[in-house]
């Protein structure tokens, strides 16, 4: 399962809206705050409908909201020794592995794709925090979740996506499959 985190002035958490959700279902506490076990429908404080809140993966749920999380990026790793370097930061006590994905369009650099996430997943049981700095992330979210991403972050700027709601919904649907 994957969760959704968004950069900018938008959502942070497991597909929650920036307004407080009004829910009548039984909730449990997790890293992302209160979450519903099964929510048929919910609304924001402004009364607008929003999508259901989904649970984070078991790897992410090990953490509480008050935890300080160390999530080193693999961007500066030596890719010839990527597995060794991931094990080294894991043994040093890091909590998550951060994966910066850049497409050369949304930001000027080009980095990695879902194949690298797929290669990392069997190396570590730490949550993989995938940050998509790409144009049209809705076209790639499924690939990264299938590759093993636990957390997916997208940018809410129009330069990245005009389909933010669709992108968030993808993560929610794919994260619960």
N, C-alpha and C. Protein backbone atom coordinates (compact mmCIF):
# COMPACT_ATOMS: atom_id res chain seq x y z
N UNK A 1 0.83 -1.17 0.00
CA UNK A 1 0.00 0.00 0.00
C UNK A 1 0.87 1.23 0.00
N UNK A 2 0.44 2.25 -0.68
CA UNK A 2 1.17 3.51 -0.70
C UNK A 2 0.32 4.58 -0.06
N UNK A 3 0.96 5.61 0.43
CA UNK A 3 0.24 6.74 0.97
C UNK A 3 0.60 7.95 0.13
N UNK A 4 -0.09 9.01 0.34
CA UNK A 4 0.11 10.20 -0.46
C UNK A 4 0.66 11.32 0.40
N UNK A 5 1.70 11.96 -0.06
CA UNK A 5 2.19 13.18 0.56
C UNK A 5 2.37 14.17 -0.56
N UNK A 6 1.95 15.39 -0.36
CA UNK A 6 2.08 16.37 -1.42
C UNK A 6 2.89 17.54 -0.93
N UNK A 7 3.66 18.12 -1.84
CA UNK A 7 4.45 19.27 -1.48
C UNK A 7 3.66 20.53 -1.79
N UNK A 8 4.11 21.64 -1.29
CA UNK A 8 3.40 22.89 -1.51
C UNK A 8 2.28 23.04 -0.49
N UNK A 9 1.34 23.89 -0.79
CA UNK A 9 0.24 24.16 0.15
C UNK A 9 -0.90 23.19 -0.10
N UNK A 10 -0.66 21.94 0.11
CA UNK A 10 -1.70 20.96 -0.17
C UNK A 10 -1.71 19.89 0.90
N UNK A 11 -1.90 18.66 0.50
CA UNK A 11 -2.15 17.56 1.42
C UNK A 11 -0.85 16.94 1.91
N UNK A 12 -0.82 16.58 3.17
CA UNK A 12 0.23 15.72 3.69
C UNK A 12 -0.48 14.62 4.43
N UNK A 13 -0.24 13.39 4.05
CA UNK A 13 -0.84 12.28 4.76
C UNK A 13 -1.49 11.29 3.84
N UNK A 14 -2.12 10.30 4.42
CA UNK A 14 -2.71 9.21 3.67
C UNK A 14 -3.98 9.62 2.97
N UNK A 15 -3.87 10.39 1.92
CA UNK A 15 -5.00 10.83 1.09
C UNK A 15 -6.00 11.66 1.86
N UNK A 16 -5.57 12.38 2.86
CA UNK A 16 -6.48 13.26 3.59
C UNK A 16 -6.53 14.62 2.89
N UNK A 17 -7.60 15.35 3.05
CA UNK A 17 -7.71 16.67 2.45
C UNK A 17 -7.09 17.69 3.39
N UNK A 18 -6.82 18.92 2.87
CA UNK A 18 -6.20 19.91 3.73
C UNK A 18 -7.17 20.42 4.79
N UNK A 19 -8.46 20.25 4.57
CA UNK A 19 -9.45 20.55 5.61
C UNK A 19 -9.60 19.32 6.49
N UNK A 20 -10.08 19.53 7.70
CA UNK A 20 -10.26 18.41 8.62
C UNK A 20 -11.44 17.57 8.16
N UNK A 21 -11.27 16.28 8.06
CA UNK A 21 -12.35 15.39 7.63
C UNK A 21 -13.31 15.15 8.78
N UNK A 22 -14.59 15.17 8.46
CA UNK A 22 -15.61 14.86 9.44
C UNK A 22 -16.02 13.43 9.22
N UNK A 23 -15.70 12.56 10.16
CA UNK A 23 -15.93 11.13 9.97
C UNK A 23 -16.68 10.57 11.16
N UNK A 24 -17.63 9.69 10.89
CA UNK A 24 -18.38 9.07 11.97
C UNK A 24 -17.91 7.64 12.22
N UNK A 25 -16.93 7.18 11.49
CA UNK A 25 -16.44 5.81 11.63
C UNK A 25 -15.43 5.73 12.77
N UNK A 26 -15.18 4.52 13.26
CA UNK A 26 -14.16 4.27 14.27
C UNK A 26 -12.79 4.57 13.65
N UNK A 27 -11.94 5.28 14.38
CA UNK A 27 -10.62 5.63 13.85
C UNK A 27 -9.53 5.05 14.73
N UNK A 28 -8.35 4.95 14.14
CA UNK A 28 -7.18 4.53 14.88
C UNK A 28 -6.07 5.52 14.59
N UNK A 29 -5.10 5.60 15.46
CA UNK A 29 -4.01 6.54 15.28
C UNK A 29 -2.90 5.92 14.46
N UNK A 30 -2.28 6.72 13.63
CA UNK A 30 -1.13 6.28 12.84
C UNK A 30 -0.20 7.46 12.65
N UNK A 31 0.87 7.25 11.90
CA UNK A 31 1.81 8.33 11.60
C UNK A 31 1.08 9.52 11.00
N UNK A 32 0.09 9.26 10.16
CA UNK A 32 -0.59 10.32 9.42
C UNK A 32 -1.70 10.96 10.23
N UNK A 33 -1.83 10.63 11.50
CA UNK A 33 -2.90 11.19 12.32
C UNK A 33 -4.05 10.21 12.39
N UNK A 34 -5.22 10.72 12.67
CA UNK A 34 -6.39 9.85 12.75
C UNK A 34 -6.77 9.38 11.36
N UNK A 35 -7.09 8.11 11.23
CA UNK A 35 -7.47 7.57 9.93
C UNK A 35 -8.68 6.66 10.11
N UNK A 36 -9.48 6.61 9.11
CA UNK A 36 -10.68 5.79 9.18
C UNK A 36 -10.38 4.38 8.75
N UNK A 37 -11.02 3.41 9.39
CA UNK A 37 -10.87 2.02 8.97
C UNK A 37 -11.67 1.76 7.71
N UNK A 38 -12.91 2.20 7.67
CA UNK A 38 -13.70 2.05 6.45
C UNK A 38 -14.61 3.26 6.35
N UNK A 39 -14.32 4.13 5.45
CA UNK A 39 -15.07 5.35 5.30
C UNK A 39 -15.79 5.30 3.96
N UNK A 40 -17.11 5.35 4.01
CA UNK A 40 -17.89 5.35 2.77
C UNK A 40 -17.83 6.73 2.13
N UNK A 41 -17.98 7.76 2.94
CA UNK A 41 -17.94 9.13 2.43
C UNK A 41 -17.55 10.03 3.58
N UNK A 42 -16.93 11.13 3.26
CA UNK A 42 -16.58 12.10 4.27
C UNK A 42 -16.66 13.47 3.64
N UNK A 43 -16.58 14.49 4.45
CA UNK A 43 -16.67 15.85 3.93
C UNK A 43 -15.63 16.70 4.62
N UNK A 44 -15.24 17.78 3.96
CA UNK A 44 -14.33 18.73 4.57
C UNK A 44 -15.14 19.67 5.44
N UNK A 45 -14.46 20.52 6.20
CA UNK A 45 -15.18 21.46 7.06
C UNK A 45 -16.00 22.44 6.23
N UNK A 46 -15.66 22.62 4.97
CA UNK A 46 -16.44 23.50 4.11
C UNK A 46 -17.65 22.79 3.52
N UNK A 47 -17.83 21.50 3.81
CA UNK A 47 -18.99 20.76 3.34
C UNK A 47 -18.81 20.08 2.01
N UNK A 48 -17.69 20.31 1.34
CA UNK A 48 -17.46 19.65 0.05
C UNK A 48 -17.09 18.20 0.28
N UNK A 49 -17.52 17.34 -0.63
CA UNK A 49 -17.19 15.92 -0.53
C UNK A 49 -15.71 15.72 -0.81
N UNK A 50 -15.13 14.71 -0.20
CA UNK A 50 -13.74 14.36 -0.49
C UNK A 50 -13.63 12.85 -0.53
N UNK A 51 -12.52 12.37 -1.02
CA UNK A 51 -12.34 10.94 -1.17
C UNK A 51 -12.09 10.26 0.17
N UNK A 52 -12.28 8.96 0.24
CA UNK A 52 -12.03 8.22 1.48
C UNK A 52 -10.57 8.30 1.90
N UNK A 53 -10.36 8.22 3.19
CA UNK A 53 -9.01 8.16 3.74
C UNK A 53 -8.58 6.70 3.72
N UNK A 54 -7.37 6.45 3.25
CA UNK A 54 -6.87 5.07 3.19
C UNK A 54 -5.75 4.90 4.19
N UNK A 55 -5.51 3.67 4.58
CA UNK A 55 -4.46 3.37 5.53
C UNK A 55 -3.10 3.33 4.85
N UNK A 56 -2.08 3.72 5.57
CA UNK A 56 -0.72 3.66 5.08
C UNK A 56 -0.23 2.22 5.12
N UNK A 57 0.90 1.98 4.50
CA UNK A 57 1.45 0.63 4.52
C UNK A 57 1.95 0.31 5.93
N UNK A 58 2.09 -0.96 6.21
CA UNK A 58 2.58 -1.40 7.52
C UNK A 58 3.97 -0.83 7.80
N UNK A 59 4.78 -0.67 6.75
CA UNK A 59 6.12 -0.11 6.95
C UNK A 59 6.03 1.33 7.46
N UNK A 60 5.08 2.09 6.98
CA UNK A 60 4.93 3.49 7.39
C UNK A 60 4.23 3.58 8.73
N UNK A 61 3.27 2.71 8.99
CA UNK A 61 2.50 2.76 10.23
C UNK A 61 3.32 2.46 11.48
N UNK A 62 4.55 2.02 11.32
CA UNK A 62 5.40 1.77 12.50
C UNK A 62 5.76 3.07 13.21
N UNK A 63 5.55 4.19 12.54
CA UNK A 63 5.97 5.49 13.07
C UNK A 63 4.77 6.27 13.57
N UNK A 64 5.00 7.09 14.60
CA UNK A 64 3.93 7.97 15.08
C UNK A 64 4.20 9.37 14.56
N UNK A 65 3.18 10.21 14.62
CA UNK A 65 3.29 11.56 14.09
C UNK A 65 4.36 12.37 14.82
N UNK A 66 4.63 12.04 16.06
CA UNK A 66 5.62 12.79 16.84
C UNK A 66 7.05 12.30 16.61
N UNK A 67 7.23 11.21 15.89
CA UNK A 67 8.58 10.71 15.62
C UNK A 67 9.34 11.66 14.70
N UNK A 68 10.62 11.80 14.96
CA UNK A 68 11.51 12.47 14.02
C UNK A 68 12.01 11.39 13.08
N UNK A 69 11.79 11.60 11.80
CA UNK A 69 12.10 10.57 10.81
C UNK A 69 13.30 10.99 9.99
N UNK A 70 14.29 10.12 9.91
CA UNK A 70 15.48 10.36 9.10
C UNK A 70 15.29 9.60 7.80
N UNK A 71 15.29 10.35 6.68
CA UNK A 71 15.01 9.76 5.37
C UNK A 71 16.05 10.22 4.36
N UNK A 72 17.23 9.59 4.36
CA UNK A 72 18.28 10.02 3.43
C UNK A 72 17.90 9.72 1.99
N UNK A 73 18.30 10.61 1.11
CA UNK A 73 18.02 10.46 -0.31
C UNK A 73 19.08 9.60 -0.97
N UNK A 74 18.67 8.79 -1.92
CA UNK A 74 19.63 7.98 -2.68
C UNK A 74 20.23 8.77 -3.83
N UNK A 75 19.81 10.03 -4.00
CA UNK A 75 20.26 10.83 -5.14
C UNK A 75 21.78 10.94 -5.22
N UNK A 76 22.44 11.05 -4.09
CA UNK A 76 23.90 11.19 -4.11
C UNK A 76 24.64 9.87 -3.94
N UNK A 77 23.90 8.76 -3.95
CA UNK A 77 24.53 7.45 -3.78
C UNK A 77 25.34 7.06 -5.02
N UNK A 78 26.30 6.18 -4.80
CA UNK A 78 27.04 5.58 -5.91
C UNK A 78 26.17 4.42 -6.42
N UNK A 79 25.59 4.57 -7.59
CA UNK A 79 24.64 3.58 -8.08
C UNK A 79 25.29 2.24 -8.41
N UNK A 80 26.60 2.22 -8.54
CA UNK A 80 27.30 0.94 -8.72
C UNK A 80 27.30 0.14 -7.42
N UNK A 81 27.09 0.84 -6.29
CA UNK A 81 27.07 0.20 -4.97
C UNK A 81 25.78 0.55 -4.23
N UNK A 82 24.68 0.72 -4.94
CA UNK A 82 23.45 1.21 -4.34
C UNK A 82 22.94 0.30 -3.23
N UNK A 83 22.92 -0.99 -3.45
CA UNK A 83 22.46 -1.93 -2.42
C UNK A 83 23.29 -1.83 -1.16
N UNK A 84 24.61 -1.78 -1.31
CA UNK A 84 25.50 -1.66 -0.16
C UNK A 84 25.26 -0.35 0.59
N UNK A 85 25.07 0.73 -0.15
CA UNK A 85 24.89 2.03 0.49
C UNK A 85 23.54 2.12 1.19
N UNK A 86 22.52 1.50 0.64
CA UNK A 86 21.22 1.46 1.31
C UNK A 86 21.33 0.66 2.61
N UNK A 87 22.01 -0.47 2.57
CA UNK A 87 22.22 -1.26 3.79
C UNK A 87 23.02 -0.46 4.82
N UNK A 88 24.00 0.32 4.37
CA UNK A 88 24.81 1.11 5.29
C UNK A 88 23.98 2.17 6.01
N UNK A 89 23.11 2.88 5.29
CA UNK A 89 22.28 3.90 5.96
C UNK A 89 21.20 3.23 6.82
N UNK A 90 20.75 2.06 6.41
CA UNK A 90 19.79 1.31 7.23
C UNK A 90 20.45 0.89 8.54
N UNK A 91 21.67 0.36 8.45
CA UNK A 91 22.40 -0.06 9.65
C UNK A 91 22.77 1.12 10.54
N UNK A 92 22.90 2.31 9.93
CA UNK A 92 23.22 3.51 10.70
C UNK A 92 22.00 4.04 11.45
N UNK A 93 20.82 3.51 11.13
CA UNK A 93 19.62 3.88 11.88
C UNK A 93 18.63 4.78 11.16
N UNK A 94 18.75 4.94 9.86
CA UNK A 94 17.76 5.77 9.17
C UNK A 94 16.40 5.08 9.19
N UNK A 95 15.35 5.86 9.02
CA UNK A 95 13.99 5.35 9.14
C UNK A 95 13.34 5.03 7.79
N UNK A 96 13.55 5.88 6.81
CA UNK A 96 12.98 5.71 5.48
C UNK A 96 14.10 5.91 4.46
N UNK A 97 13.84 5.53 3.23
CA UNK A 97 14.74 5.83 2.11
C UNK A 97 13.99 6.79 1.19
N UNK A 98 14.58 7.95 0.92
CA UNK A 98 13.96 8.96 0.06
C UNK A 98 14.49 8.81 -1.36
N UNK A 99 13.58 8.78 -2.31
CA UNK A 99 13.93 8.61 -3.72
C UNK A 99 13.44 9.83 -4.49
N UNK A 100 14.37 10.65 -4.98
CA UNK A 100 14.02 11.83 -5.78
C UNK A 100 13.93 11.44 -7.24
N UNK A 101 12.78 11.67 -7.84
CA UNK A 101 12.55 11.34 -9.25
C UNK A 101 12.37 12.66 -10.00
N UNK A 102 13.23 12.92 -10.97
CA UNK A 102 13.18 14.15 -11.76
C UNK A 102 13.17 13.78 -13.24
N UNK A 103 12.36 14.51 -14.01
CA UNK A 103 12.18 14.15 -15.42
C UNK A 103 12.84 15.09 -16.42
N UNK A 104 13.52 16.14 -15.95
CA UNK A 104 14.15 17.06 -16.89
C UNK A 104 13.18 18.07 -17.47
N UNK A 105 11.91 17.98 -17.11
CA UNK A 105 10.90 18.93 -17.59
C UNK A 105 10.38 19.80 -16.44
N UNK A 106 9.91 19.18 -15.37
CA UNK A 106 9.42 19.94 -14.22
C UNK A 106 10.58 20.61 -13.50
N UNK A 107 11.67 19.90 -13.37
CA UNK A 107 12.94 20.43 -12.86
C UNK A 107 14.00 20.10 -13.90
N UNK A 108 15.11 20.83 -13.92
CA UNK A 108 16.08 20.62 -15.00
C UNK A 108 16.85 19.30 -14.97
N UNK A 109 16.95 18.65 -13.84
CA UNK A 109 17.72 17.41 -13.75
C UNK A 109 16.90 16.20 -14.16
N UNK A 110 17.60 15.15 -14.55
CA UNK A 110 16.98 13.86 -14.84
C UNK A 110 17.62 12.85 -13.90
N UNK A 111 16.78 12.06 -13.21
CA UNK A 111 17.34 11.08 -12.28
C UNK A 111 16.87 9.68 -12.63
N UNK A 112 16.06 9.08 -11.80
CA UNK A 112 15.75 7.66 -11.92
C UNK A 112 14.27 7.41 -12.19
N UNK A 113 13.96 6.16 -12.49
CA UNK A 113 12.58 5.76 -12.74
C UNK A 113 12.18 4.59 -11.85
N UNK A 114 11.04 3.99 -12.16
CA UNK A 114 10.51 2.91 -11.32
C UNK A 114 11.40 1.66 -11.29
N UNK A 115 12.24 1.46 -12.28
CA UNK A 115 13.12 0.28 -12.26
C UNK A 115 14.09 0.32 -11.08
N UNK A 116 14.55 1.51 -10.73
CA UNK A 116 15.46 1.63 -9.58
C UNK A 116 14.69 1.36 -8.28
N UNK A 117 13.47 1.88 -8.17
CA UNK A 117 12.65 1.60 -6.99
C UNK A 117 12.40 0.10 -6.88
N UNK A 118 12.12 -0.54 -8.00
CA UNK A 118 11.91 -1.98 -8.03
C UNK A 118 13.17 -2.74 -7.59
N UNK A 119 14.34 -2.22 -7.93
CA UNK A 119 15.60 -2.86 -7.54
C UNK A 119 15.90 -2.64 -6.05
N UNK A 120 15.46 -1.50 -5.51
CA UNK A 120 15.70 -1.19 -4.10
C UNK A 120 14.79 -1.99 -3.18
N UNK A 121 13.56 -2.21 -3.59
CA UNK A 121 12.55 -2.82 -2.71
C UNK A 121 13.02 -4.12 -2.06
N UNK A 122 13.65 -5.07 -2.77
CA UNK A 122 14.09 -6.29 -2.09
C UNK A 122 15.32 -6.09 -1.18
N UNK A 123 15.99 -4.96 -1.30
CA UNK A 123 17.20 -4.72 -0.52
C UNK A 123 16.87 -4.27 0.90
N UNK A 124 15.74 -3.57 1.07
CA UNK A 124 15.40 -3.02 2.38
C UNK A 124 13.91 -3.15 2.66
N UNK A 125 13.60 -3.25 3.95
CA UNK A 125 12.20 -3.26 4.37
C UNK A 125 11.79 -1.87 4.86
N UNK A 126 12.69 -0.90 4.77
CA UNK A 126 12.35 0.46 5.16
C UNK A 126 11.33 1.04 4.17
N UNK A 127 10.49 1.96 4.63
CA UNK A 127 9.56 2.61 3.70
C UNK A 127 10.33 3.37 2.61
N UNK A 128 9.85 3.27 1.39
CA UNK A 128 10.42 4.02 0.27
C UNK A 128 9.54 5.24 0.03
N UNK A 129 10.14 6.39 0.25
CA UNK A 129 9.49 7.69 0.13
C UNK A 129 9.85 8.26 -1.23
N UNK A 130 8.95 8.15 -2.21
CA UNK A 130 9.25 8.53 -3.59
C UNK A 130 8.68 9.92 -3.87
N UNK A 131 9.56 10.85 -4.21
CA UNK A 131 9.22 12.25 -4.48
C UNK A 131 9.25 12.48 -5.98
N UNK A 132 8.07 12.63 -6.58
CA UNK A 132 7.95 12.79 -8.03
C UNK A 132 8.01 14.26 -8.41
N UNK A 133 9.17 14.70 -8.87
CA UNK A 133 9.33 16.06 -9.38
C UNK A 133 9.26 15.96 -10.90
N UNK A 134 8.06 15.65 -11.38
CA UNK A 134 7.87 15.35 -12.80
C UNK A 134 6.60 16.02 -13.31
N UNK A 135 6.54 16.19 -14.63
CA UNK A 135 5.34 16.67 -15.30
C UNK A 135 4.39 15.49 -15.46
N UNK A 136 3.14 15.73 -15.20
CA UNK A 136 2.08 14.71 -15.32
C UNK A 136 2.37 13.45 -14.49
N UNK A 137 2.51 13.62 -13.18
CA UNK A 137 2.78 12.45 -12.33
C UNK A 137 1.68 11.40 -12.41
N UNK A 138 0.47 11.82 -12.78
CA UNK A 138 -0.63 10.85 -12.89
C UNK A 138 -0.32 9.75 -13.90
N UNK A 139 0.59 10.02 -14.83
CA UNK A 139 0.97 9.00 -15.81
C UNK A 139 1.99 8.00 -15.27
N UNK A 140 2.60 8.30 -14.11
CA UNK A 140 3.68 7.44 -13.59
C UNK A 140 3.42 6.90 -12.19
N UNK A 141 2.42 7.40 -11.50
CA UNK A 141 2.13 6.97 -10.12
C UNK A 141 2.00 5.46 -10.02
N UNK A 142 1.23 4.87 -10.90
CA UNK A 142 1.01 3.41 -10.85
C UNK A 142 2.32 2.65 -10.97
N UNK A 143 3.21 3.10 -11.85
CA UNK A 143 4.49 2.42 -12.03
C UNK A 143 5.31 2.41 -10.74
N UNK A 144 5.34 3.54 -10.04
CA UNK A 144 6.13 3.64 -8.82
C UNK A 144 5.51 2.85 -7.67
N UNK A 145 4.19 2.85 -7.58
CA UNK A 145 3.54 2.07 -6.52
C UNK A 145 3.75 0.58 -6.76
N UNK A 146 3.59 0.15 -8.00
CA UNK A 146 3.83 -1.26 -8.32
C UNK A 146 5.28 -1.65 -8.08
N UNK A 147 6.19 -0.69 -8.25
CA UNK A 147 7.61 -0.97 -8.03
C UNK A 147 7.96 -1.07 -6.54
N UNK A 148 7.08 -0.58 -5.66
CA UNK A 148 7.33 -0.73 -4.23
C UNK A 148 7.34 0.53 -3.41
N UNK A 149 6.90 1.66 -3.97
CA UNK A 149 6.85 2.90 -3.20
C UNK A 149 5.83 2.79 -2.08
N UNK A 150 6.20 3.26 -0.90
CA UNK A 150 5.28 3.29 0.24
C UNK A 150 4.64 4.66 0.39
N UNK A 151 5.38 5.69 0.03
CA UNK A 151 4.91 7.07 0.11
C UNK A 151 5.19 7.70 -1.24
N UNK A 152 4.21 8.41 -1.78
CA UNK A 152 4.38 9.10 -3.05
C UNK A 152 4.09 10.58 -2.82
N UNK A 153 5.04 11.43 -3.18
CA UNK A 153 4.86 12.87 -3.07
C UNK A 153 4.83 13.46 -4.47
N UNK A 154 3.86 14.34 -4.71
CA UNK A 154 3.79 15.05 -5.98
C UNK A 154 3.69 16.53 -5.70
N UNK A 155 3.97 17.33 -6.70
CA UNK A 155 3.85 18.78 -6.59
C UNK A 155 2.47 19.20 -7.06
N UNK A 156 1.91 20.19 -6.37
CA UNK A 156 0.56 20.63 -6.73
C UNK A 156 0.57 21.81 -7.70
N UNK A 157 1.73 22.29 -8.10
CA UNK A 157 1.79 23.39 -9.05
C UNK A 157 1.22 22.97 -10.40
N UNK A 158 0.63 23.92 -11.12
CA UNK A 158 0.10 23.62 -12.45
C UNK A 158 1.18 23.19 -13.42
N UNK A 159 2.43 23.58 -13.16
CA UNK A 159 3.52 23.15 -14.03
C UNK A 159 3.74 21.64 -13.94
N UNK A 160 3.29 21.02 -12.85
CA UNK A 160 3.43 19.58 -12.69
C UNK A 160 2.19 18.86 -13.18
N UNK A 161 1.03 19.21 -12.62
CA UNK A 161 -0.19 18.51 -13.01
C UNK A 161 -1.39 19.44 -12.93
N UNK A 162 -2.30 19.27 -13.86
CA UNK A 162 -3.58 19.97 -13.78
C UNK A 162 -4.65 19.02 -13.26
N UNK A 163 -4.27 17.77 -13.04
CA UNK A 163 -5.19 16.73 -12.59
C UNK A 163 -4.81 16.26 -11.19
N UNK A 164 -4.66 17.19 -10.26
CA UNK A 164 -4.22 16.84 -8.92
C UNK A 164 -5.18 15.86 -8.24
N UNK A 165 -6.47 16.11 -8.35
CA UNK A 165 -7.46 15.23 -7.73
C UNK A 165 -7.33 13.81 -8.30
N UNK A 166 -7.15 13.69 -9.61
CA UNK A 166 -7.00 12.38 -10.25
C UNK A 166 -5.74 11.68 -9.75
N UNK A 167 -4.66 12.43 -9.59
CA UNK A 167 -3.41 11.85 -9.11
C UNK A 167 -3.56 11.35 -7.68
N UNK A 168 -4.18 12.14 -6.83
CA UNK A 168 -4.40 11.72 -5.44
C UNK A 168 -5.28 10.47 -5.41
N UNK A 169 -6.33 10.47 -6.21
CA UNK A 169 -7.23 9.32 -6.25
C UNK A 169 -6.49 8.05 -6.70
N UNK A 170 -5.58 8.20 -7.67
CA UNK A 170 -4.78 7.04 -8.12
C UNK A 170 -4.01 6.43 -6.97
N UNK A 171 -3.35 7.27 -6.18
CA UNK A 171 -2.57 6.76 -5.06
C UNK A 171 -3.48 6.06 -4.06
N UNK A 172 -4.63 6.65 -3.81
CA UNK A 172 -5.57 6.04 -2.86
C UNK A 172 -6.06 4.68 -3.36
N UNK A 173 -6.44 4.61 -4.61
CA UNK A 173 -6.96 3.36 -5.17
C UNK A 173 -5.86 2.31 -5.27
N UNK A 174 -4.72 2.69 -5.81
CA UNK A 174 -3.62 1.74 -5.98
C UNK A 174 -3.01 1.34 -4.64
N UNK A 175 -3.03 2.25 -3.69
CA UNK A 175 -2.46 1.97 -2.39
C UNK A 175 -3.27 1.00 -1.56
N UNK A 176 -4.49 0.75 -1.95
CA UNK A 176 -5.33 -0.18 -1.19
C UNK A 176 -5.55 -1.48 -1.94
N UNK A 177 -4.94 -1.62 -3.10
CA UNK A 177 -5.15 -2.83 -3.91
C UNK A 177 -4.46 -4.03 -3.31
